[in-house]
């Protein structure tokens, strides 16, 4: 698996982007009637939440 080395500034920016986008993704998930799209959003949210958790640890 490839490793990505980020500077502290880059890491902070990635965290900021994830934290800003997650609420929008939640909004889109709740307001879609398309089951496949909802599944896609939920999988993306799970990935982003895990990535955010790992970046903050």
PDB file of N, CA and C in Angstrom:
ATOM      1  N   UNK A   1       0.843  -1.178   0.000  1.00  0.00           N
ATOM      2  CA  UNK A   1       0.000   0.000   0.000  1.00  0.00           C
ATOM      3  C   UNK A   1       0.888   1.242   0.000  1.00  0.00           C
ATOM      4  N   UNK A   2       0.526   2.205  -0.803  1.00  0.00           N
ATOM      5  CA  UNK A   2       1.310   3.426  -0.903  1.00  0.00           C
ATOM      6  C   UNK A   2       1.118   4.283   0.344  1.00  0.00           C
ATOM      7  N   UNK A   3       2.160   4.967   0.728  1.00  0.00           N
ATOM      8  CA  UNK A   3       2.126   5.877   1.873  1.00  0.00           C
ATOM      9  C   UNK A   3       2.096   7.307   1.355  1.00  0.00           C
ATOM     10  N   UNK A   4       1.404   8.131   2.065  1.00  0.00           N
ATOM     11  CA  UNK A   4       1.334   9.536   1.727  1.00  0.00           C
ATOM     12  C   UNK A   4       1.877  10.321   2.911  1.00  0.00           C
ATOM     13  N   UNK A   5       2.958  11.015   2.687  1.00  0.00           N
ATOM     14  CA  UNK A   5       3.559  11.818   3.749  1.00  0.00           C
ATOM     15  C   UNK A   5       3.111  13.265   3.585  1.00  0.00           C
ATOM     16  N   UNK A   6       2.426  13.757   4.605  1.00  0.00           N
ATOM     17  CA  UNK A   6       1.926  15.129   4.574  1.00  0.00           C
ATOM     18  C   UNK A   6       2.660  15.977   5.604  1.00  0.00           C
ATOM     19  N   UNK A   7       2.866  17.223   5.262  1.00  0.00           N
ATOM     20  CA  UNK A   7       3.389  18.161   6.250  1.00  0.00           C
ATOM     21  C   UNK A   7       2.265  18.439   7.244  1.00  0.00           C
ATOM     22  N   UNK A   8       2.584  18.963   8.409  1.00  0.00           N
ATOM     23  CA  UNK A   8       1.512  19.306   9.359  1.00  0.00           C
ATOM     24  C   UNK A   8       0.486  20.286   8.762  1.00  0.00           C
ATOM     25  N   UNK A   9       0.940  21.195   7.950  1.00  0.00           N
ATOM     26  CA  UNK A   9       0.032  22.148   7.311  1.00  0.00           C
ATOM     27  C   UNK A   9      -0.897  21.444   6.324  1.00  0.00           C
ATOM     28  N   UNK A  10      -0.354  20.540   5.539  1.00  0.00           N
ATOM     29  CA  UNK A  10      -1.172  19.780   4.593  1.00  0.00           C
ATOM     30  C   UNK A  10      -2.186  18.908   5.328  1.00  0.00           C
ATOM     31  N   UNK A  11      -1.743  18.278   6.388  1.00  0.00           N
ATOM     32  CA  UNK A  11      -2.633  17.436   7.188  1.00  0.00           C
ATOM     33  C   UNK A  11      -3.780  18.266   7.762  1.00  0.00           C
ATOM     34  N   UNK A  12      -3.480  19.448   8.261  1.00  0.00           N
ATOM     35  CA  UNK A  12      -4.510  20.323   8.807  1.00  0.00           C
ATOM     36  C   UNK A  12      -5.520  20.728   7.736  1.00  0.00           C
ATOM     37  N   UNK A  13      -5.039  20.983   6.525  1.00  0.00           N
ATOM     38  CA  UNK A  13      -5.937  21.356   5.434  1.00  0.00           C
ATOM     39  C   UNK A  13      -6.833  20.198   5.035  1.00  0.00           C
ATOM     40  N   UNK A  14      -6.293  18.993   4.981  1.00  0.00           N
ATOM     41  CA  UNK A  14      -7.092  17.812   4.642  1.00  0.00           C
ATOM     42  C   UNK A  14      -8.163  17.596   5.708  1.00  0.00           C
ATOM     43  N   UNK A  15      -7.800  17.732   6.972  1.00  0.00           N
ATOM     44  CA  UNK A  15      -8.767  17.604   8.064  1.00  0.00           C
ATOM     45  C   UNK A  15      -9.864  18.650   7.925  1.00  0.00           C
ATOM     46  N   UNK A  16      -9.479  19.884   7.645  1.00  0.00           N
ATOM     47  CA  UNK A  16     -10.457  20.953   7.473  1.00  0.00           C
ATOM     48  C   UNK A  16     -11.423  20.648   6.327  1.00  0.00           C
ATOM     49  N   UNK A  17     -10.899  20.183   5.216  1.00  0.00           N
ATOM     50  CA  UNK A  17     -11.734  19.850   4.062  1.00  0.00           C
ATOM     51  C   UNK A  17     -12.716  18.737   4.414  1.00  0.00           C
ATOM     52  N   UNK A  18     -12.235  17.696   5.064  1.00  0.00           N
ATOM     53  CA  UNK A  18     -13.107  16.587   5.447  1.00  0.00           C
ATOM     54  C   UNK A  18     -14.193  17.056   6.411  1.00  0.00           C
ATOM     55  N   UNK A  19     -13.814  17.845   7.401  1.00  0.00           N
ATOM     56  CA  UNK A  19     -14.782  18.323   8.383  1.00  0.00           C
ATOM     57  C   UNK A  19     -15.830  19.243   7.753  1.00  0.00           C
ATOM     58  N   UNK A  20     -15.452  19.994   6.752  1.00  0.00           N
ATOM     59  CA  UNK A  20     -16.410  20.878   6.080  1.00  0.00           C
ATOM     60  C   UNK A  20     -17.339  20.102   5.155  1.00  0.00           C
ATOM     61  N   UNK A  21     -16.829  19.048   4.512  1.00  0.00           N
ATOM     62  CA  UNK A  21     -17.617  18.315   3.525  1.00  0.00           C
ATOM     63  C   UNK A  21     -18.550  17.282   4.161  1.00  0.00           C
ATOM     64  N   UNK A  22     -18.177  16.724   5.296  1.00  0.00           N
ATOM     65  CA  UNK A  22     -18.998  15.676   5.910  1.00  0.00           C
ATOM     66  C   UNK A  22     -20.437  16.114   6.192  1.00  0.00           C
ATOM     67  N   UNK A  23     -20.690  17.285   6.752  1.00  0.00           N
ATOM     68  CA  UNK A  23     -22.090  17.691   6.962  1.00  0.00           C
ATOM     69  C   UNK A  23     -22.881  17.815   5.654  1.00  0.00           C
ATOM     70  N   UNK A  24     -22.243  18.294   4.605  1.00  0.00           N
ATOM     71  CA  UNK A  24     -22.910  18.388   3.309  1.00  0.00           C
ATOM     72  C   UNK A  24     -23.245  17.008   2.780  1.00  0.00           C
ATOM     73  N   UNK A  25     -22.325  16.072   2.966  1.00  0.00           N
ATOM     74  CA  UNK A  25     -22.547  14.703   2.525  1.00  0.00           C
ATOM     75  C   UNK A  25     -23.709  14.083   3.304  1.00  0.00           C
ATOM     76  N   UNK A  26     -23.769  14.346   4.588  1.00  0.00           N
ATOM     77  CA  UNK A  26     -24.885  13.857   5.418  1.00  0.00           C
ATOM     78  C   UNK A  26     -26.205  14.424   4.916  1.00  0.00           C
ATOM     79  N   UNK A  27     -26.215  15.701   4.597  1.00  0.00           N
ATOM     80  CA  UNK A  27     -27.418  16.355   4.070  1.00  0.00           C
ATOM     81  C   UNK A  27     -27.862  15.684   2.769  1.00  0.00           C
ATOM     82  N   UNK A  28     -26.936  15.464   1.871  1.00  0.00           N
ATOM     83  CA  UNK A  28     -27.251  14.824   0.591  1.00  0.00           C
ATOM     84  C   UNK A  28     -27.769  13.405   0.803  1.00  0.00           C
ATOM     85  N   UNK A  29     -27.178  12.691   1.750  1.00  0.00           N
ATOM     86  CA  UNK A  29     -27.594  11.318   2.028  1.00  0.00           C
ATOM     87  C   UNK A  29     -29.039  11.285   2.500  1.00  0.00           C
ATOM     88  N   UNK A  30     -29.378  12.170   3.401  1.00  0.00           N
ATOM     89  CA  UNK A  30     -30.725  12.203   3.973  1.00  0.00           C
ATOM     90  C   UNK A  30     -31.764  12.608   2.927  1.00  0.00           C
ATOM     91  N   UNK A  31     -31.377  13.459   2.006  1.00  0.00           N
ATOM     92  CA  UNK A  31     -32.353  14.017   1.073  1.00  0.00           C
ATOM     93  C   UNK A  31     -32.405  13.340  -0.297  1.00  0.00           C
ATOM     94  N   UNK A  32     -31.781  12.201  -0.449  1.00  0.00           N
ATOM     95  CA  UNK A  32     -31.885  11.503  -1.726  1.00  0.00           C
ATOM     96  C   UNK A  32     -32.872  10.350  -1.608  1.00  0.00           C
ATOM     97  N   UNK A  33     -33.624  10.131  -2.662  1.00  0.00           N
ATOM     98  CA  UNK A  33     -34.560   9.010  -2.704  1.00  0.00           C
ATOM     99  C   UNK A  33     -33.961   7.815  -3.440  1.00  0.00           C
ATOM    100  N   UNK A  34     -32.847   8.036  -4.110  1.00  0.00           N
ATOM    101  CA  UNK A  34     -32.198   6.987  -4.891  1.00  0.00           C
ATOM    102  C   UNK A  34     -31.396   6.078  -3.950  1.00  0.00           C
ATOM    103  N   UNK A  35     -31.803   4.809  -3.863  1.00  0.00           N
ATOM    104  CA  UNK A  35     -31.158   3.883  -2.930  1.00  0.00           C
ATOM    105  C   UNK A  35     -29.684   3.650  -3.251  1.00  0.00           C
ATOM    106  N   UNK A  36     -29.361   3.550  -4.523  1.00  0.00           N
ATOM    107  CA  UNK A  36     -27.960   3.329  -4.907  1.00  0.00           C
ATOM    108  C   UNK A  36     -27.105   4.547  -4.580  1.00  0.00           C
ATOM    109  N   UNK A  37     -27.640   5.715  -4.819  1.00  0.00           N
ATOM    110  CA  UNK A  37     -26.911   6.940  -4.511  1.00  0.00           C
ATOM    111  C   UNK A  37     -26.740   7.086  -2.998  1.00  0.00           C
ATOM    112  N   UNK A  38     -27.776   6.752  -2.244  1.00  0.00           N
ATOM    113  CA  UNK A  38     -27.684   6.807  -0.781  1.00  0.00           C
ATOM    114  C   UNK A  38     -26.601   5.845  -0.290  1.00  0.00           C
ATOM    115  N   UNK A  39     -26.565   4.644  -0.865  1.00  0.00           N
ATOM    116  CA  UNK A  39     -25.532   3.664  -0.487  1.00  0.00           C
ATOM    117  C   UNK A  39     -24.149   4.221  -0.793  1.00  0.00           C
ATOM    118  N   UNK A  40     -23.987   4.827  -1.960  1.00  0.00           N
ATOM    119  CA  UNK A  40     -22.716   5.431  -2.343  1.00  0.00           C
ATOM    120  C   UNK A  40     -22.306   6.511  -1.339  1.00  0.00           C
ATOM    121  N   UNK A  41     -23.261   7.390  -0.986  1.00  0.00           N
ATOM    122  CA  UNK A  41     -22.977   8.457  -0.021  1.00  0.00           C
ATOM    123  C   UNK A  41     -22.580   7.876   1.332  1.00  0.00           C
ATOM    124  N   UNK A  42     -23.273   6.837   1.768  1.00  0.00           N
ATOM    125  CA  UNK A  42     -22.978   6.244   3.071  1.00  0.00           C
ATOM    126  C   UNK A  42     -21.593   5.592   3.081  1.00  0.00           C
ATOM    127  N   UNK A  43     -21.227   4.934   1.985  1.00  0.00           N
ATOM    128  CA  UNK A  43     -19.891   4.342   1.894  1.00  0.00           C
ATOM    129  C   UNK A  43     -18.821   5.425   1.882  1.00  0.00           C
ATOM    130  N   UNK A  44     -19.076   6.496   1.161  1.00  0.00           N
ATOM    131  CA  UNK A  44     -18.126   7.606   1.117  1.00  0.00           C
ATOM    132  C   UNK A  44     -17.990   8.249   2.493  1.00  0.00           C
ATOM    133  N   UNK A  45     -19.108   8.417   3.183  1.00  0.00           N
ATOM    134  CA  UNK A  45     -19.083   9.005   4.524  1.00  0.00           C
ATOM    135  C   UNK A  45     -18.274   8.120   5.471  1.00  0.00           C
ATOM    136  N   UNK A  46     -18.470   6.815   5.398  1.00  0.00           N
ATOM    137  CA  UNK A  46     -17.727   5.891   6.265  1.00  0.00           C
ATOM    138  C   UNK A  46     -16.227   6.007   5.985  1.00  0.00           C
ATOM    139  N   UNK A  47     -15.855   6.066   4.714  1.00  0.00           N
ATOM    140  CA  UNK A  47     -14.447   6.206   4.347  1.00  0.00           C
ATOM    141  C   UNK A  47     -13.878   7.512   4.887  1.00  0.00           C
ATOM    142  N   UNK A  48     -14.612   8.601   4.668  1.00  0.00           N
ATOM    143  CA  UNK A  48     -14.119   9.911   5.092  1.00  0.00           C
ATOM    144  C   UNK A  48     -14.035  10.012   6.610  1.00  0.00           C
ATOM    145  N   UNK A  49     -15.000   9.439   7.314  1.00  0.00           N
ATOM    146  CA  UNK A  49     -14.984   9.457   8.775  1.00  0.00           C
ATOM    147  C   UNK A  49     -13.786   8.685   9.308  1.00  0.00           C
ATOM    148  N   UNK A  50     -13.524   7.531   8.712  1.00  0.00           N
ATOM    149  CA  UNK A  50     -12.357   6.734   9.129  1.00  0.00           C
ATOM    150  C   UNK A  50     -11.056   7.465   8.824  1.00  0.00           C
ATOM    151  N   UNK A  51     -10.968   8.064   7.660  1.00  0.00           N
ATOM    152  CA  UNK A  51      -9.768   8.815   7.294  1.00  0.00           C
ATOM    153  C   UNK A  51      -9.548   9.983   8.258  1.00  0.00           C
ATOM    154  N   UNK A  52     -10.613  10.681   8.582  1.00  0.00           N
ATOM    155  CA  UNK A  52     -10.524  11.792   9.521  1.00  0.00           C
ATOM    156  C   UNK A  52     -10.052  11.307  10.893  1.00  0.00           C
ATOM    157  N   UNK A  53     -10.602  10.198  11.347  1.00  0.00           N
ATOM    158  CA  UNK A  53     -10.192   9.629  12.628  1.00  0.00           C
ATOM    159  C   UNK A  53      -8.699   9.281  12.635  1.00  0.00           C
ATOM    160  N   UNK A  54      -8.240   8.674  11.532  1.00  0.00           N
ATOM    161  CA  UNK A  54      -6.824   8.295  11.449  1.00  0.00           C
ATOM    162  C   UNK A  54      -5.922   9.518  11.376  1.00  0.00           C
ATOM    163  N   UNK A  55      -6.349  10.550  10.683  1.00  0.00           N
ATOM    164  CA  UNK A  55      -5.535  11.770  10.601  1.00  0.00           C
ATOM    165  C   UNK A  55      -5.415  12.471  11.953  1.00  0.00           C
ATOM    166  N   UNK A  56      -6.471  12.381  12.749  1.00  0.00           N
ATOM    167  CA  UNK A  56      -6.470  13.043  14.035  1.00  0.00           C
ATOM    168  C   UNK A  56      -5.761  12.246  15.128  1.00  0.00           C
ATOM    169  N   UNK A  57      -5.475  10.990  14.871  1.00  0.00           N
ATOM    170  CA  UNK A  57      -4.838  10.166  15.911  1.00  0.00           C
ATOM    171  C   UNK A  57      -3.326  10.327  15.926  1.00  0.00           C
TER     172      UNK A  57
END
